[in-house]
Amino acid sequence: MVAKKKLEYQAGIETNEELWKQIEGTAASDSEREAMFKDFRLIEAALATDKTVISLDERVRRLFGQAAGHVLEIRDIVWVNPDRPEEEPIEWLRAGGIAESERRLGT
């Protein structure tokens, strides 16, 4: 992605300690907390840009989805797995990447 200049860098995205504390409090185990912490930058980047995450990681998607039940700020983040044909990721992107409710963490 970098070599093809398909990656857009966003400078100045600060770590949101308060948001992390809220999300961290939803983890049921150290393993869950560690998995979410590893991908927390995806959440921060989504909140700073278009509220969209494209990721293959279904486990962390489920964990953030559970957290969204308690953390209002992340409920509207759209999460799409490009490896799941039933999500029709290419068609979704061609149609403009609309933030459909079934794609949001808070559903």
PDB file of N, CA and C in Angstrom:
ATOM      1  N   MET A   1       0.818  -1.194   0.000  1.00  0.00           N
ATOM      2  CA  MET A   1       0.000   0.000   0.000  1.00  0.00           C
ATOM      3  C   MET A   1       0.864   1.262   0.000  1.00  0.00           C
ATOM      4  N   VAL A   2       1.946   1.263   0.753  1.00  0.00           N
ATOM      5  CA  VAL A   2       2.818   2.435   0.807  1.00  0.00           C
ATOM      6  C   VAL A   2       3.496   2.651  -0.544  1.00  0.00           C
ATOM      7  N   ALA A   3       4.050   1.574  -1.125  1.00  0.00           N
ATOM      8  CA  ALA A   3       4.755   1.693  -2.399  1.00  0.00           C
ATOM      9  C   ALA A   3       3.848   2.195  -3.510  1.00  0.00           C
ATOM     10  N   LYS A   4       2.585   1.827  -3.469  1.00  0.00           N
ATOM     11  CA  LYS A   4       1.633   2.250  -4.501  1.00  0.00           C
ATOM     12  C   LYS A   4       0.985   3.593  -4.185  1.00  0.00           C
ATOM     13  N   LYS A   5       1.434   4.213  -3.083  1.00  0.00           N
ATOM     14  CA  LYS A   5       0.909   5.510  -2.634  1.00  0.00           C
ATOM     15  C   LYS A   5      -0.599   5.466  -2.393  1.00  0.00           C
ATOM     16  N   LYS A   6      -1.046   4.354  -1.835  1.00  0.00           N
ATOM     17  CA  LYS A   6      -2.469   4.180  -1.525  1.00  0.00           C
ATOM     18  C   LYS A   6      -2.751   4.436  -0.041  1.00  0.00           C
ATOM     19  N   LEU A   7      -1.716   4.777   0.708  1.00  0.00           N
ATOM     20  CA  LEU A   7      -1.850   4.996   2.137  1.00  0.00           C
ATOM     21  C   LEU A   7      -1.786   6.487   2.416  1.00  0.00           C
ATOM     22  N   GLU A   8      -2.749   6.977   3.149  1.00  0.00           N
ATOM     23  CA  GLU A   8      -2.770   8.395   3.498  1.00  0.00           C
ATOM     24  C   GLU A   8      -2.405   8.532   4.971  1.00  0.00           C
ATOM     25  N   TYR A   9      -1.336   9.248   5.246  1.00  0.00           N
ATOM     26  CA  TYR A   9      -0.890   9.453   6.624  1.00  0.00           C
ATOM     27  C   TYR A   9      -1.660  10.605   7.244  1.00  0.00           C
ATOM     28  N   GLN A  10      -2.079  10.407   8.464  1.00  0.00           N
ATOM     29  CA  GLN A  10      -2.773  11.445   9.220  1.00  0.00           C
ATOM     30  C   GLN A  10      -1.869  11.867  10.371  1.00  0.00           C
ATOM     31  N   ALA A  11      -1.322  13.043  10.286  1.00  0.00           N
ATOM     32  CA  ALA A  11      -0.447  13.538  11.347  1.00  0.00           C
ATOM     33  C   ALA A  11      -1.286  14.088  12.496  1.00  0.00           C
ATOM     34  N   GLY A  12      -0.743  13.959  13.660  1.00  0.00           N
ATOM     35  CA  GLY A  12      -1.354  14.612  14.815  1.00  0.00           C
ATOM     36  C   GLY A  12      -2.507  13.879  15.464  1.00  0.00           C
ATOM     37  N   ILE A  13      -2.694  12.602  15.190  1.00  0.00           N
ATOM     38  CA  ILE A  13      -3.749  11.861  15.887  1.00  0.00           C
ATOM     39  C   ILE A  13      -3.209  11.496  17.260  1.00  0.00           C
ATOM     40  N   GLU A  14      -3.759  12.119  18.261  1.00  0.00           N
ATOM     41  CA  GLU A  14      -3.315  11.907  19.634  1.00  0.00           C
ATOM     42  C   GLU A  14      -3.935  10.634  20.206  1.00  0.00           C
ATOM     43  N   THR A  15      -3.195   9.980  21.093  1.00  0.00           N
ATOM     44  CA  THR A  15      -3.741   8.826  21.805  1.00  0.00           C
ATOM     45  C   THR A  15      -4.818   9.326  22.752  1.00  0.00           C
ATOM     46  N   ASN A  16      -5.981   8.725  22.674  1.00  0.00           N
ATOM     47  CA  ASN A  16      -7.103   9.116  23.509  1.00  0.00           C
ATOM     48  C   ASN A  16      -7.142   8.206  24.737  1.00  0.00           C
ATOM     49  N   GLU A  17      -6.453   8.631  25.779  1.00  0.00           N
ATOM     50  CA  GLU A  17      -6.322   7.820  26.993  1.00  0.00           C
ATOM     51  C   GLU A  17      -7.683   7.524  27.623  1.00  0.00           C
ATOM     52  N   GLU A  18      -8.558   8.495  27.642  1.00  0.00           N
ATOM     53  CA  GLU A  18      -9.871   8.302  28.264  1.00  0.00           C
ATOM     54  C   GLU A  18     -10.692   7.270  27.503  1.00  0.00           C
ATOM     55  N   LEU A  19     -10.650   7.344  26.187  1.00  0.00           N
ATOM     56  CA  LEU A  19     -11.369   6.357  25.374  1.00  0.00           C
ATOM     57  C   LEU A  19     -10.790   4.969  25.608  1.00  0.00           C
ATOM     58  N   TRP A  20      -9.454   4.882  25.645  1.00  0.00           N
ATOM     59  CA  TRP A  20      -8.840   3.575  25.888  1.00  0.00           C
ATOM     60  C   TRP A  20      -9.265   3.010  27.236  1.00  0.00           C
ATOM     61  N   LYS A  21      -9.334   3.832  28.273  1.00  0.00           N
ATOM     62  CA  LYS A  21      -9.751   3.358  29.596  1.00  0.00           C
ATOM     63  C   LYS A  21     -11.179   2.805  29.545  1.00  0.00           C
ATOM     64  N   GLN A  22     -12.044   3.485  28.814  1.00  0.00           N
ATOM     65  CA  GLN A  22     -13.424   3.006  28.687  1.00  0.00           C
ATOM     66  C   GLN A  22     -13.475   1.655  27.977  1.00  0.00           C
ATOM     67  N   ILE A  23     -12.750   1.545  26.865  1.00  0.00           N
ATOM     68  CA  ILE A  23     -12.734   0.300  26.100  1.00  0.00           C
ATOM     69  C   ILE A  23     -12.073  -0.812  26.904  1.00  0.00           C
ATOM     70  N   GLU A  24     -10.956  -0.497  27.524  1.00  0.00           N
ATOM     71  CA  GLU A  24     -10.216  -1.470  28.323  1.00  0.00           C
ATOM     72  C   GLU A  24     -11.096  -2.062  29.425  1.00  0.00           C
ATOM     73  N   GLY A  25     -11.964  -1.242  29.976  1.00  0.00           N
ATOM     74  CA  GLY A  25     -12.860  -1.695  31.038  1.00  0.00           C
ATOM     75  C   GLY A  25     -13.886  -2.712  30.584  1.00  0.00           C
ATOM     76  N   THR A  26     -14.048  -2.882  29.284  1.00  0.00           N
ATOM     77  CA  THR A  26     -15.025  -3.855  28.780  1.00  0.00           C
ATOM     78  C   THR A  26     -14.406  -5.225  28.552  1.00  0.00           C
ATOM     79  N   ALA A  27     -13.077  -5.319  28.619  1.00  0.00           N
ATOM     80  CA  ALA A  27     -12.391  -6.593  28.361  1.00  0.00           C
ATOM     81  C   ALA A  27     -12.644  -7.563  29.502  1.00  0.00           C
ATOM     82  N   ALA A  28     -12.923  -8.803  29.144  1.00  0.00           N
ATOM     83  CA  ALA A  28     -13.191  -9.838  30.139  1.00  0.00           C
ATOM     84  C   ALA A  28     -11.917 -10.551  30.591  1.00  0.00           C
ATOM     85  N   SER A  29     -10.803 -10.328  29.867  1.00  0.00           N
ATOM     86  CA  SER A  29      -9.560 -11.013  30.223  1.00  0.00           C
ATOM     87  C   SER A  29      -8.376 -10.190  29.729  1.00  0.00           C
ATOM     88  N   ASP A  30      -7.192 -10.553  30.221  1.00  0.00           N
ATOM     89  CA  ASP A  30      -5.973  -9.892  29.745  1.00  0.00           C
ATOM     90  C   ASP A  30      -5.772 -10.142  28.260  1.00  0.00           C
ATOM     91  N   SER A  31      -6.128 -11.319  27.793  1.00  0.00           N
ATOM     92  CA  SER A  31      -5.992 -11.663  26.374  1.00  0.00           C
ATOM     93  C   SER A  31      -6.856 -10.744  25.511  1.00  0.00           C
ATOM     94  N   GLU A  32      -8.084 -10.509  25.928  1.00  0.00           N
ATOM     95  CA  GLU A  32      -8.973  -9.608  25.187  1.00  0.00           C
ATOM     96  C   GLU A  32      -8.438  -8.187  25.222  1.00  0.00           C
ATOM     97  N   ARG A  33      -7.991  -7.748  26.377  1.00  0.00           N
ATOM     98  CA  ARG A  33      -7.447  -6.397  26.531  1.00  0.00           C
ATOM     99  C   ARG A  33      -6.239  -6.206  25.609  1.00  0.00           C
ATOM    100  N   GLU A  34      -5.368  -7.196  25.564  1.00  0.00           N
ATOM    101  CA  GLU A  34      -4.178  -7.129  24.726  1.00  0.00           C
ATOM    102  C   GLU A  34      -4.541  -7.070  23.239  1.00  0.00           C
ATOM    103  N   ALA A  35      -5.517  -7.877  22.833  1.00  0.00           N
ATOM    104  CA  ALA A  35      -5.947  -7.885  21.429  1.00  0.00           C
ATOM    105  C   ALA A  35      -6.521  -6.523  21.030  1.00  0.00           C
ATOM    106  N   MET A  36      -7.337  -5.937  21.896  1.00  0.00           N
ATOM    107  CA  MET A  36      -7.918  -4.633  21.584  1.00  0.00           C
ATOM    108  C   MET A  36      -6.861  -3.540  21.599  1.00  0.00           C
ATOM    109  N   PHE A  37      -5.935  -3.619  22.546  1.00  0.00           N
ATOM    110  CA  PHE A  37      -4.886  -2.601  22.621  1.00  0.00           C
ATOM    111  C   PHE A  37      -4.048  -2.603  21.350  1.00  0.00           C
ATOM    112  N   LYS A  38      -3.762  -3.790  20.842  1.00  0.00           N
ATOM    113  CA  LYS A  38      -2.958  -3.928  19.621  1.00  0.00           C
ATOM    114  C   LYS A  38      -3.602  -3.188  18.447  1.00  0.00           C
ATOM    115  N   ASP A  39      -4.917  -3.193  18.361  1.00  0.00           N
ATOM    116  CA  ASP A  39      -5.623  -2.564  17.233  1.00  0.00           C
ATOM    117  C   ASP A  39      -6.349  -1.274  17.608  1.00  0.00           C
ATOM    118  N   PHE A  40      -6.060  -0.736  18.770  1.00  0.00           N
ATOM    119  CA  PHE A  40      -6.720   0.494  19.210  1.00  0.00           C
ATOM    120  C   PHE A  40      -6.435   1.657  18.261  1.00  0.00           C
ATOM    121  N   ARG A  41      -5.252   1.665  17.637  1.00  0.00           N
ATOM    122  CA  ARG A  41      -4.926   2.740  16.689  1.00  0.00           C
ATOM    123  C   ARG A  41      -5.885   2.744  15.499  1.00  0.00           C
ATOM    124  N   LEU A  42      -6.415   1.577  15.127  1.00  0.00           N
ATOM    125  CA  LEU A  42      -7.426   1.535  14.061  1.00  0.00           C
ATOM    126  C   LEU A  42      -8.662   2.330  14.469  1.00  0.00           C
ATOM    127  N   ILE A  43      -9.065   2.172  15.720  1.00  0.00           N
ATOM    128  CA  ILE A  43     -10.234   2.898  16.239  1.00  0.00           C
ATOM    129  C   ILE A  43      -9.956   4.395  16.256  1.00  0.00           C
ATOM    130  N   GLU A  44      -8.779   4.772  16.758  1.00  0.00           N
ATOM    131  CA  GLU A  44      -8.427   6.193  16.801  1.00  0.00           C
ATOM    132  C   GLU A  44      -8.374   6.792  15.395  1.00  0.00           C
ATOM    133  N   ALA A  45      -7.783   6.065  14.458  1.00  0.00           N
ATOM    134  CA  ALA A  45      -7.703   6.562  13.080  1.00  0.00           C
ATOM    135  C   ALA A  45      -9.094   6.689  12.468  1.00  0.00           C
ATOM    136  N   ALA A  46      -9.957   5.719  12.732  1.00  0.00           N
ATOM    137  CA  ALA A  46     -11.320   5.781  12.205  1.00  0.00           C
ATOM    138  C   ALA A  46     -12.054   7.002  12.759  1.00  0.00           C
ATOM    139  N   LEU A  47     -11.905   7.250  14.044  1.00  0.00           N
ATOM    140  CA  LEU A  47     -12.575   8.404  14.651  1.00  0.00           C
ATOM    141  C   LEU A  47     -12.029   9.720  14.116  1.00  0.00           C
ATOM    142  N   ALA A  48     -10.758   9.747  13.743  1.00  0.00           N
ATOM    143  CA  ALA A  48     -10.138  10.970  13.236  1.00  0.00           C
ATOM    144  C   ALA A  48     -10.414  11.189  11.754  1.00  0.00           C
ATOM    145  N   THR A  49     -10.917  10.161  11.065  1.00  0.00           N
ATOM    146  CA  THR A  49     -11.141  10.282   9.619  1.00  0.00           C
ATOM    147  C   THR A  49     -12.598  10.009   9.277  1.00  0.00           C
ATOM    148  N   ASP A  50     -12.850   8.886   8.623  1.00  0.00           N
ATOM    149  CA  ASP A  50     -14.194   8.620   8.099  1.00  0.00           C
ATOM    150  C   ASP A  50     -14.987   7.582   8.886  1.00  0.00           C
ATOM    151  N   LYS A  51     -14.525   7.242  10.089  1.00  0.00           N
ATOM    152  CA  LYS A  51     -15.198   6.268  10.955  1.00  0.00           C
ATOM    153  C   LYS A  51     -15.332   4.902  10.304  1.00  0.00           C
ATOM    154  N   THR A  52     -14.281   4.498   9.560  1.00  0.00           N
ATOM    155  CA  THR A  52     -14.306   3.205   8.884  1.00  0.00           C
ATOM    156  C   THR A  52     -13.024   2.438   9.166  1.00  0.00           C
ATOM    157  N   VAL A  53     -13.192   1.138   9.445  1.00  0.00           N
ATOM    158  CA  VAL A  53     -12.065   0.226   9.607  1.00  0.00           C
ATOM    159  C   VAL A  53     -12.240  -0.901   8.602  1.00  0.00           C
ATOM    160  N   ILE A  54     -11.176  -1.203   7.880  1.00  0.00           N
ATOM    161  CA  ILE A  54     -11.146  -2.352   6.988  1.00  0.00           C
ATOM    162  C   ILE A  54     -10.102  -3.296   7.580  1.00  0.00           C
ATOM    163  N   SER A  55     -10.541  -4.459   8.028  1.00  0.00           N
ATOM    164  CA  SER A  55      -9.627  -5.380   8.711  1.00  0.00           C
ATOM    165  C   SER A  55     -10.109  -6.809   8.584  1.00  0.00           C
ATOM    166  N   LEU A  56      -9.145  -7.728   8.561  1.00  0.00           N
ATOM    167  CA  LEU A  56      -9.441  -9.159   8.513  1.00  0.00           C
ATOM    168  C   LEU A  56      -9.692  -9.746   9.901  1.00  0.00           C
ATOM    169  N   ASP A  57      -9.364  -9.026  10.942  1.00  0.00           N
ATOM    170  CA  ASP A  57      -9.381  -9.557  12.303  1.00  0.00           C
ATOM    171  C   ASP A  57     -10.797  -9.613  12.877  1.00  0.00           C
ATOM    172  N   GLU A  58     -11.410 -10.773  12.789  1.00  0.00           N
ATOM    173  CA  GLU A  58     -12.777 -10.944  13.286  1.00  0.00           C
ATOM    174  C   GLU A  58     -12.854 -10.977  14.815  1.00  0.00           C
ATOM    175  N   ARG A  59     -11.794 -11.488  15.442  1.00  0.00           N
ATOM    176  CA  ARG A  59     -11.813 -11.539  16.908  1.00  0.00           C
ATOM    177  C   ARG A  59     -11.866 -10.128  17.490  1.00  0.00           C
ATOM    178  N   VAL A  60     -10.982  -9.260  17.030  1.00  0.00           N
ATOM    179  CA  VAL A  60     -10.957  -7.907  17.581  1.00  0.00           C
ATOM    180  C   VAL A  60     -12.200  -7.127  17.150  1.00  0.00           C
ATOM    181  N   ARG A  61     -12.730  -7.439  15.993  1.00  0.00           N
ATOM    182  CA  ARG A  61     -13.991  -6.819  15.564  1.00  0.00           C
ATOM    183  C   ARG A  61     -15.105  -7.162  16.558  1.00  0.00           C
ATOM    184  N   ARG A  62     -15.166  -8.433  16.942  1.00  0.00           N
ATOM    185  CA  ARG A  62     -16.171  -8.864  17.917  1.00  0.00           C
ATOM    186  C   ARG A  62     -15.957  -8.170  19.269  1.00  0.00           C
ATOM    187  N   LEU A  63     -14.699  -8.074  19.690  1.00  0.00           N
ATOM    188  CA  LEU A  63     -14.396  -7.436  20.978  1.00  0.00           C
ATOM    189  C   LEU A  63     -14.768  -5.955  20.971  1.00  0.00           C
ATOM    190  N   PHE A  64     -14.418  -5.243  19.903  1.00  0.00           N
ATOM    191  CA  PHE A  64     -14.801  -3.836  19.816  1.00  0.00           C
ATOM    192  C   PHE A  64     -16.316  -3.696  19.673  1.00  0.00           C
ATOM    193  N   GLY A  65     -16.942  -4.648  19.016  1.00  0.00           N
ATOM    194  CA  GLY A  65     -18.408  -4.639  18.924  1.00  0.00           C
ATOM    195  C   GLY A  65     -19.049  -4.773  20.288  1.00  0.00           C
ATOM    196  N   GLN A  66     -18.497  -5.639  21.127  1.00  0.00           N
ATOM    197  CA  GLN A  66     -18.995  -5.777  22.499  1.00  0.00           C
ATOM    198  C   GLN A  66     -18.743  -4.501  23.290  1.00  0.00           C
ATOM    199  N   ALA A  67     -17.571  -3.913  23.103  1.00  0.00           N
ATOM    200  CA  ALA A  67     -17.235  -2.664  23.794  1.00  0.00           C
ATOM    201  C   ALA A  67     -18.185  -1.541  23.385  1.00  0.00           C
ATOM    202  N   ALA A  68     -18.609  -1.550  22.124  1.00  0.00           N
ATOM    203  CA  ALA A  68     -19.510  -0.503  21.617  1.00  0.00           C
ATOM    204  C   ALA A  68     -20.835  -0.489  22.363  1.00  0.00           C
ATOM    205  N   GLY A  69     -21.190  -1.598  22.986  1.00  0.00           N
ATOM    206  CA  GLY A  69     -22.400  -1.629  23.803  1.00  0.00           C
ATOM    207  C   GLY A  69     -22.287  -0.761  25.047  1.00  0.00           C
ATOM    208  N   HIS A  70     -21.054  -0.415  25.418  1.00  0.00           N
ATOM    209  CA  HIS A  70     -20.807   0.385  26.616  1.00  0.00           C
ATOM    210  C   HIS A  70     -20.130   1.720  26.324  1.00  0.00           C
ATOM    211  N   VAL A  71     -19.491   1.816  25.163  1.00  0.00           N
ATOM    212  CA  VAL A  71     -18.702   3.004  24.822  1.00  0.00           C
ATOM    213  C   VAL A  71     -19.352   3.683  23.616  1.00  0.00           C
ATOM    214  N   LEU A  72     -20.127   4.680  23.912  1.00  0.00           N
ATOM    215  CA  LEU A  72     -20.920   5.378  22.898  1.00  0.00           C
ATOM    216  C   LEU A  72     -20.077   5.896  21.730  1.00  0.00           C
ATOM    217  N   GLU A  73     -18.894   6.361  22.004  1.00  0.00           N
ATOM    218  CA  GLU A  73     -18.051   7.014  20.992  1.00  0.00           C
ATOM    219  C   GLU A  73     -17.669   6.109  19.820  1.00  0.00           C
ATOM    220  N   ILE A  74     -17.675   4.793  20.025  1.00  0.00           N
ATOM    221  CA  ILE A  74     -17.250   3.899  18.935  1.00  0.00           C
ATOM    222  C   ILE A  74     -18.408   3.187  18.243  1.00  0.00           C
ATOM    223  N   ARG A  75     -19.620   3.432  18.656  1.00  0.00           N
ATOM    224  CA  ARG A  75     -20.783   2.724  18.097  1.00  0.00           C
ATOM    225  C   ARG A  75     -20.991   2.931  16.608  1.00  0.00           C
ATOM    226  N   ASP A  76     -20.627   4.079  16.107  1.00  0.00           N
ATOM    227  CA  ASP A  76     -20.883   4.384  14.692  1.00  0.00           C
ATOM    228  C   ASP A  76     -19.730   4.019  13.769  1.00  0.00           C
ATOM    229  N   ILE A  77     -18.681   3.420  14.313  1.00  0.00           N
ATOM    230  CA  ILE A  77     -17.568   3.008  13.459  1.00  0.00           C
ATOM    231  C   ILE A  77     -18.009   1.828  12.599  1.00  0.00           C
ATOM    232  N   VAL A  78     -17.767   1.948  11.316  1.00  0.00           N
ATOM    233  CA  VAL A  78     -18.081   0.893  10.354  1.00  0.00           C
ATOM    234  C   VAL A  78     -16.874  -0.034  10.277  1.00  0.00           C
ATOM    235  N   TRP A  79     -17.133  -1.341  10.331  1.00  0.00           N
ATOM    236  CA  TRP A  79     -16.047  -2.326  10.256  1.00  0.00           C
ATOM    237  C   TRP A  79     -16.377  -3.292   9.133  1.00  0.00           C
ATOM    238  N   VAL A  80     -15.478  -3.390   8.165  1.00  0.00           N
ATOM    239  CA  VAL A  80     -15.683  -4.257   7.014  1.00  0.00           C
ATOM    240  C   VAL A  80     -14.495  -5.202   6.892  1.00  0.00           C
ATOM    241  N   ASN A  81     -14.796  -6.476   6.695  1.00  0.00           N
ATOM    242  CA  ASN A  81     -13.768  -7.495   6.487  1.00  0.00           C
ATOM    243  C   ASN A  81     -13.743  -7.825   4.995  1.00  0.00           C
ATOM    244  N   PRO A  82     -12.673  -7.458   4.295  1.00  0.00           N
ATOM    245  CA  PRO A  82     -12.624  -7.688   2.851  1.00  0.00           C
ATOM    246  C   PRO A  82     -12.509  -9.158   2.461  1.00  0.00           C
ATOM    247  N   ASP A  83     -12.290 -10.022   3.437  1.00  0.00           N
ATOM    248  CA  ASP A  83     -12.156 -11.456   3.161  1.00  0.00           C
ATOM    249  C   ASP A  83     -13.478 -12.208   3.340  1.00  0.00           C
ATOM    250  N   ARG A  84     -14.533 -11.503   3.692  1.00  0.00           N
ATOM    251  CA  ARG A  84     -15.840 -12.143   3.881  1.00  0.00           C
ATOM    252  C   ARG A  84     -16.741 -11.802   2.693  1.00  0.00           C
ATOM    253  N   PRO A  85     -16.912 -12.755   1.771  1.00  0.00           N
ATOM    254  CA  PRO A  85     -17.711 -12.483   0.565  1.00  0.00           C
ATOM    255  C   PRO A  85     -19.123 -11.997   0.876  1.00  0.00           C
ATOM    256  N   GLU A  86     -19.713 -12.483   1.955  1.00  0.00           N
ATOM    257  CA  GLU A  86     -21.077 -12.070   2.291  1.00  0.00           C
ATOM    258  C   GLU A  86     -21.180 -10.585   2.633  1.00  0.00           C
ATOM    259  N   GLU A  87     -20.062  -9.957   2.937  1.00  0.00           N
ATOM    260  CA  GLU A  87     -20.074  -8.514   3.204  1.00  0.00           C
ATOM    261  C   GLU A  87     -19.976  -7.694   1.922  1.00  0.00           C
ATOM    262  N   GLU A  88     -19.709  -8.371   0.800  1.00  0.00           N
ATOM    263  CA  GLU A  88     -19.613  -7.721  -0.500  1.00  0.00           C
ATOM    264  C   GLU A  88     -18.781  -6.437  -0.435  1.00  0.00           C
ATOM    265  N   PRO A  89     -17.528  -6.552  -0.002  1.00  0.00           N
ATOM    266  CA  PRO A  89     -16.718  -5.347   0.219  1.00  0.00           C
ATOM    267  C   PRO A  89     -16.467  -4.524  -1.033  1.00  0.00           C
ATOM    268  N   ILE A  90     -16.241  -5.165  -2.167  1.00  0.00           N
ATOM    269  CA  ILE A  90     -15.967  -4.410  -3.394  1.00  0.00           C
ATOM    270  C   ILE A  90     -17.208  -3.642  -3.844  1.00  0.00           C
ATOM    271  N   GLU A  91     -18.348  -4.317  -3.824  1.00  0.00           N
ATOM    272  CA  GLU A  91     -19.595  -3.657  -4.206  1.00  0.00           C
ATOM    273  C   GLU A  91     -19.901  -2.499  -3.248  1.00  0.00           C
ATOM    274  N   TRP A  92     -19.636  -2.737  -1.969  1.00  0.00           N
ATOM    275  CA  TRP A  92     -19.873  -1.709  -0.956  1.00  0.00           C
ATOM    276  C   TRP A  92     -19.017  -0.474  -1.241  1.00  0.00           C
ATOM    277  N   LEU A  93     -17.746  -0.695  -1.563  1.00  0.00           N
ATOM    278  CA  LEU A  93     -16.868   0.427  -1.882  1.00  0.00           C
ATOM    279  C   LEU A  93     -17.302   1.140  -3.151  1.00  0.00           C
ATOM    280  N   ARG A  94     -17.670   0.372  -4.180  1.00  0.00           N
ATOM    281  CA  ARG A  94     -18.131   0.984  -5.440  1.00  0.00           C
ATOM    282  C   ARG A  94     -19.375   1.837  -5.232  1.00  0.00           C
ATOM    283  N   ALA A  95     -20.200   1.444  -4.272  1.00  0.00           N
ATOM    284  CA  ALA A  95     -21.422   2.201  -3.987  1.00  0.00           C
ATOM    285  C   ALA A  95     -21.161   3.401  -3.078  1.00  0.00           C
ATOM    286  N   GLY A  96     -19.896   3.624  -2.746  1.00  0.00           N
ATOM    287  CA  GLY A  96     -19.561   4.802  -1.952  1.00  0.00           C
ATOM    288  C   GLY A  96     -19.241   4.521  -0.504  1.00  0.00           C
ATOM    289  N   GLY A  97     -19.211   3.258  -0.087  1.00  0.00           N
ATOM    290  CA  GLY A  97     -18.861   2.917   1.293  1.00  0.00           C
ATOM    291  C   GLY A  97     -19.821   3.506   2.311  1.00  0.00           C
ATOM    292  N   ILE A  98     -21.091   3.386   2.032  1.00  0.00           N
ATOM    293  CA  ILE A  98     -22.132   3.934   2.910  1.00  0.00           C
ATOM    294  C   ILE A  98     -22.059   3.265   4.290  1.00  0.00           C
ATOM    295  N   ALA A  99     -22.240   4.045   5.333  1.00  0.00           N
ATOM    296  CA  ALA A  99     -22.180   3.546   6.711  1.00  0.00           C
ATOM    297  C   ALA A  99     -23.497   2.883   7.102  1.00  0.00           C
ATOM    298  N   GLU A 100     -23.759   1.729   6.511  1.00  0.00           N
ATOM    299  CA  GLU A 100     -25.000   1.002   6.797  1.00  0.00           C
ATOM    300  C   GLU A 100     -24.980   0.500   8.240  1.00  0.00           C
ATOM    301  N   SER A 101     -26.127   0.495   8.867  1.00  0.00           N
ATOM    302  CA  SER A 101     -26.203   0.145  10.287  1.00  0.00           C
ATOM    303  C   SER A 101     -25.665  -1.246  10.598  1.00  0.00           C
ATOM    304  N   GLU A 102     -25.862  -2.214   9.707  1.00  0.00           N
ATOM    305  CA  GLU A 102     -25.391  -3.574   9.984  1.00  0.00           C
ATOM    306  C   GLU A 102     -23.872  -3.698   9.937  1.00  0.00           C
ATOM    307  N   ARG A 103     -23.193  -2.703   9.426  1.00  0.00           N
ATOM    308  CA  ARG A 103     -21.730  -2.716   9.368  1.00  0.00           C
ATOM    309  C   ARG A 103     -21.102  -2.000  10.564  1.00  0.00           C
ATOM    310  N   ARG A 104     -21.902  -1.346  11.359  1.00  0.00           N
ATOM    311  CA  ARG A 104     -21.393  -0.565  12.499  1.00  0.00           C
ATOM    312  C   ARG A 104     -21.107  -1.458  13.693  1.00  0.00           C
ATOM    313  N   LEU A 105     -20.140  -1.031  14.496  1.00  0.00           N
ATOM    314  CA  LEU A 105     -19.791  -1.799  15.695  1.00  0.00           C
ATOM    315  C   LEU A 105     -20.954  -1.873  16.680  1.00  0.00           C
ATOM    316  N   GLY A 106     -21.742  -0.837  16.735  1.00  0.00           N
ATOM    317  CA  GLY A 106     -22.807  -0.774  17.721  1.00  0.00           C
ATOM    318  C   GLY A 106     -24.090  -1.484  17.357  1.00  0.00           C
ATOM    319  N   THR A 107     -24.044  -2.443  16.438  1.00  0.00           N
ATOM    320  CA  THR A 107     -25.273  -3.159  16.059  1.00  0.00           C
ATOM    321  C   THR A 107     -25.346  -4.515  16.702  1.00  0.00           C
TER     322      THR A 107
END
